C-alpha cells in the first residue's frame, strides 16, 4: 500500500527566506518531494490587480485561495515518486507548499469570519488539509530583510507586522514549527531541511 502523501506549508512573513529555501529543497530532494509555486506570485506576475482598498484586498485573497487549492489538487493527483527506503523506513511522499490556504486570512480586511463565509470553509477544515506547517520568521531590517523580490512591496516594519499576523493564523495548527531568523542564513536552511526530511520519513528509526 502506498504511503499517504503529506501536504506541508512553508510560510512566513515577507523576506523570511522562503524562495531561497525552496530552491535548496528542489536541489536536495531529487525524488519524493515536490514544491508548489506561490499562488500570489502567479497571480501578480500575470497582472491580477493589486489594489489597496478593502474590496480589492478581498478579491485578491479569494483568487489566491482558489489558485492555491487547485495547485494542491493537481499535486495530490500526481504525487512525487519515491526512491526506496532510508534507514530501514519507507519514505513518505511530500508536497511542500509555498504558503497555504490560510495565509490570506492574515491579509483579509475586516471581520475574519467573512473570510471563511466568502470561501465556504472553516479554520478546522483548512488546518486538516495540512500535515505540518513550517513558519519562517521575517528578519529585522538590520539582519537581512530586503526588497529585492519585485512583488515584495512591504517595508521592514510592515513585513514584521505581516509575519506576526501569519504566525497568529497558523499557530494553533497541531503541528506548527517556528523557525527563527539567525545570524547565518544557512542555519535556517538546515533547520527547514531537517524538518522536511522528518516529514518524508528520512529520520533514523
Protein backbone atom coordinates (compact mmCIF):
# COMPACT_ATOMS: atom_id res chain seq x y z
CA UNK A 1 0.00 0.00 0.00
CA UNK A 2 1.39 3.38 -0.99
CA UNK A 3 2.41 5.77 1.79
CA UNK A 4 -0.01 8.69 2.19
CA UNK A 5 1.18 11.93 0.68
CA UNK A 6 1.94 14.64 3.23
CA UNK A 7 0.95 18.23 2.44
CA UNK A 8 3.22 20.72 4.23
CA UNK A 9 3.01 24.51 4.35
CA UNK A 10 6.17 26.62 4.26
CA UNK A 11 5.08 30.11 5.25
CA UNK A 12 6.27 33.26 6.98
CA UNK A 13 6.42 36.98 6.51
CA UNK A 14 7.94 38.80 3.53
CA UNK A 15 11.70 38.36 3.25
CA UNK A 16 11.76 35.31 5.54
CA UNK A 17 13.75 33.28 3.00
CA UNK A 18 11.08 31.03 1.53
CA UNK A 19 12.19 31.43 -2.07
CA UNK A 20 15.83 30.62 -1.33
CA UNK A 21 14.98 27.69 0.94
CA UNK A 22 12.53 26.19 -1.54
CA UNK A 23 15.24 26.31 -4.20
CA UNK A 24 17.55 24.38 -1.88
CA UNK A 25 14.78 21.83 -1.25
CA UNK A 26 14.32 21.34 -5.00
CA UNK A 27 18.03 20.54 -5.36
CA UNK A 28 18.37 18.50 -2.17
CA UNK A 29 15.40 16.18 -2.74
CA UNK A 30 15.68 14.67 -6.21
CA UNK A 31 12.61 12.49 -5.74
CA UNK A 32 9.88 12.09 -3.16
CA UNK A 33 9.34 15.80 -2.53
CA UNK A 34 7.63 18.25 -4.87
CA UNK A 35 7.46 22.02 -4.38
CA UNK A 36 4.41 24.07 -5.33
CA UNK A 37 4.80 27.66 -6.55
CA UNK A 38 3.31 30.57 -4.64
CA UNK A 39 -0.23 31.30 -5.83
CA UNK A 40 0.09 35.04 -5.15
CA UNK A 41 3.21 35.34 -7.33
CA UNK A 42 1.44 33.53 -10.18
CA UNK A 43 -1.47 35.95 -9.99
CA UNK A 44 0.53 39.15 -9.58
CA UNK A 45 3.06 38.22 -12.26
CA UNK A 46 0.12 37.59 -14.58
CA UNK A 47 -1.27 41.05 -14.00
CA UNK A 48 -4.01 40.43 -11.42
CA UNK A 49 -5.00 43.87 -9.98
CA UNK A 50 -3.25 44.63 -6.71
CA UNK A 51 -5.48 47.24 -5.10
CA UNK A 52 -5.15 48.56 -1.55
CA UNK A 53 -8.86 49.19 -0.91
CA UNK A 54 -10.87 46.62 1.07
CA UNK A 55 -12.85 45.18 -1.88
CA UNK A 56 -9.60 44.82 -3.84
CA UNK A 57 -7.89 43.06 -0.94
CA UNK A 58 -10.74 40.61 -0.60
CA UNK A 59 -10.79 39.90 -4.34
CA UNK A 60 -7.05 39.17 -4.28
CA UNK A 61 -7.30 36.81 -1.32
CA UNK A 62 -10.25 34.91 -2.79
CA UNK A 63 -8.34 34.45 -6.03
CA UNK A 64 -5.20 33.31 -4.21
CA UNK A 65 -7.19 30.82 -2.13
CA UNK A 66 -8.76 29.17 -5.18
CA UNK A 67 -5.48 29.04 -7.12
CA UNK A 68 -3.79 27.50 -4.06
CA UNK A 69 -6.48 24.84 -3.77
CA UNK A 70 -6.15 23.89 -7.43
CA UNK A 71 -2.34 23.76 -7.24
CA UNK A 72 -2.66 21.38 -4.30
CA UNK A 73 -5.29 19.30 -6.06
CA UNK A 74 -3.08 18.79 -9.10
CA UNK A 75 -0.14 17.88 -6.88
CA UNK A 76 -2.16 15.38 -4.84
CA UNK A 77 -3.46 13.79 -8.05
CA UNK A 78 0.16 13.40 -9.22
CA UNK A 79 2.22 12.80 -6.05
CA UNK A 80 6.00 12.70 -6.23
CA UNK A 81 7.60 9.31 -6.83
CA UNK A 82 9.54 7.69 -4.02
CA UNK A 83 13.11 6.47 -4.29
CA UNK A 84 13.17 3.49 -1.99
CA UNK A 85 13.84 3.47 1.74
CA UNK A 86 16.06 5.32 4.14
CA UNK A 87 17.39 3.84 7.36
CA UNK A 88 15.07 0.86 7.03
CA UNK A 89 11.94 3.02 6.96
CA UNK A 90 9.68 3.54 3.94
CA UNK A 91 9.70 7.14 2.81
CA UNK A 92 6.54 9.20 2.50
CA UNK A 93 5.87 11.47 -0.48
CA UNK A 94 5.79 15.14 0.49
CA UNK A 95 4.26 18.15 -1.24
CA UNK A 96 5.78 21.36 0.08
CA UNK A 97 3.51 24.37 -0.46
CA UNK A 98 4.85 27.91 -0.83
CA UNK A 99 2.24 29.29 1.61
CA UNK A 100 -1.10 27.69 2.40
CA UNK A 101 -4.78 28.46 2.05
CA UNK A 102 -4.95 30.29 5.38
CA UNK A 103 -2.20 32.80 4.64
CA UNK A 104 -4.84 35.01 3.05
CA UNK A 105 -6.54 35.39 6.42
CA UNK A 106 -3.56 37.47 7.58
CA UNK A 107 -4.25 39.94 4.76
CA UNK A 108 -8.05 39.89 4.98
CA UNK A 109 -9.62 43.29 5.79
CA UNK A 110 -12.41 43.41 8.34
CA UNK A 111 -14.03 40.53 10.18
CA UNK A 112 -12.03 37.27 9.83
CA UNK A 113 -15.32 35.35 9.88
CA UNK A 114 -16.11 36.87 6.48
CA UNK A 115 -13.04 35.13 5.04
CA UNK A 116 -14.49 31.73 5.88
CA UNK A 117 -18.00 32.72 4.82
CA UNK A 118 -16.84 34.05 1.45
CA UNK A 119 -14.78 30.94 0.76
CA UNK A 120 -17.22 28.40 2.17
CA UNK A 121 -14.77 26.81 4.59
CA UNK A 122 -13.71 26.74 8.25
CA UNK A 123 -10.50 27.12 10.19
CA UNK A 124 -10.67 23.46 11.20
CA UNK A 125 -11.16 22.30 7.61
CA UNK A 126 -8.14 24.26 6.41
CA UNK A 127 -5.95 23.05 9.29
CA UNK A 128 -6.95 19.48 8.42
CA UNK A 129 -5.62 19.88 4.87
CA UNK A 130 -2.01 20.07 6.06
CA UNK A 131 0.09 17.57 7.96
CA UNK A 132 2.54 20.24 9.10
CA UNK A 133 3.26 23.95 8.98
CA UNK A 134 6.75 25.48 8.97
CA UNK A 135 6.76 29.20 9.73
CA UNK A 136 9.89 31.18 8.86
CA UNK A 137 10.25 34.39 10.85
CA UNK A 138 10.98 37.59 8.93
CA UNK A 139 14.38 39.07 9.84
CA UNK A 140 14.61 42.68 11.04
CA UNK A 141 15.99 45.31 8.65
CA UNK A 142 19.41 45.14 10.32
CA UNK A 143 19.62 41.37 9.92
CA UNK A 144 18.83 40.56 6.32
CA UNK A 145 15.44 41.98 5.32
CA UNK A 146 15.44 43.40 1.78
CA UNK A 147 13.01 44.21 -1.04
CA UNK A 148 14.84 42.53 -3.94
CA UNK A 149 11.78 40.46 -4.84
CA UNK A 150 9.86 42.53 -7.44
CA UNK A 151 6.46 41.56 -5.96
CA UNK A 152 7.52 42.49 -2.41
CA UNK A 153 6.13 45.92 -1.54
CA UNK A 154 6.34 45.91 2.27
CA UNK A 155 8.77 47.97 4.34
CA UNK A 156 10.66 46.17 7.11
CA UNK A 157 8.10 47.36 9.66
CA UNK A 158 5.16 46.26 7.51
CA UNK A 159 6.85 42.91 6.86
CA UNK A 160 7.24 42.32 10.61
CA UNK A 161 3.54 43.05 11.13
CA UNK A 162 2.54 40.65 8.33
CA UNK A 163 4.85 38.00 9.78
CA UNK A 164 3.16 38.30 13.17
CA UNK A 165 -0.32 38.08 11.63
CA UNK A 166 0.55 34.98 9.59
CA UNK A 167 2.04 33.28 12.65
CA UNK A 168 -1.10 34.10 14.62
CA UNK A 169 -3.20 32.41 11.90
CA UNK A 170 -1.19 29.17 11.88
CA UNK A 171 -0.01 28.97 15.50
CA UNK A 172 -2.90 26.77 16.62
CA UNK A 173 -2.18 24.11 13.98
CA UNK A 174 -1.32 20.90 15.86
CA UNK A 175 1.98 20.52 14.01
CA UNK A 176 3.29 24.06 13.56
CA UNK A 177 7.03 24.69 13.91
CA UNK A 178 8.50 28.20 14.05
CA UNK A 179 11.96 28.68 12.56
CA UNK A 180 13.51 31.85 13.90
CA UNK A 181 15.82 34.10 11.92
CA UNK A 182 19.50 33.50 12.55
CA UNK A 183 22.66 35.49 12.01
CA UNK A 184 23.74 32.87 9.47
CA UNK A 185 21.02 32.05 6.94
CA UNK A 186 22.39 28.55 6.30
CA UNK A 187 21.38 27.61 9.84
CA UNK A 188 17.79 28.48 8.94
CA UNK A 189 18.09 26.44 5.74
CA UNK A 190 19.40 23.39 7.58
CA UNK A 191 16.62 23.61 10.15
CA UNK A 192 13.99 23.51 7.41
CA UNK A 193 15.71 20.65 5.58
CA UNK A 194 15.74 18.67 8.81
CA UNK A 195 12.01 19.24 9.29
CA UNK A 196 11.20 18.25 5.70
CA UNK A 197 13.34 15.11 5.96
CA UNK A 198 11.47 14.13 9.12
CA UNK A 199 8.11 14.57 7.38
CA UNK A 200 9.41 12.47 4.48
CA UNK A 201 10.37 9.70 6.89
CA UNK A 202 14.12 10.13 6.43
CA UNK A 203 14.96 10.18 10.13
CA UNK A 204 16.61 7.12 11.57
CA UNK A 205 14.34 4.59 13.27
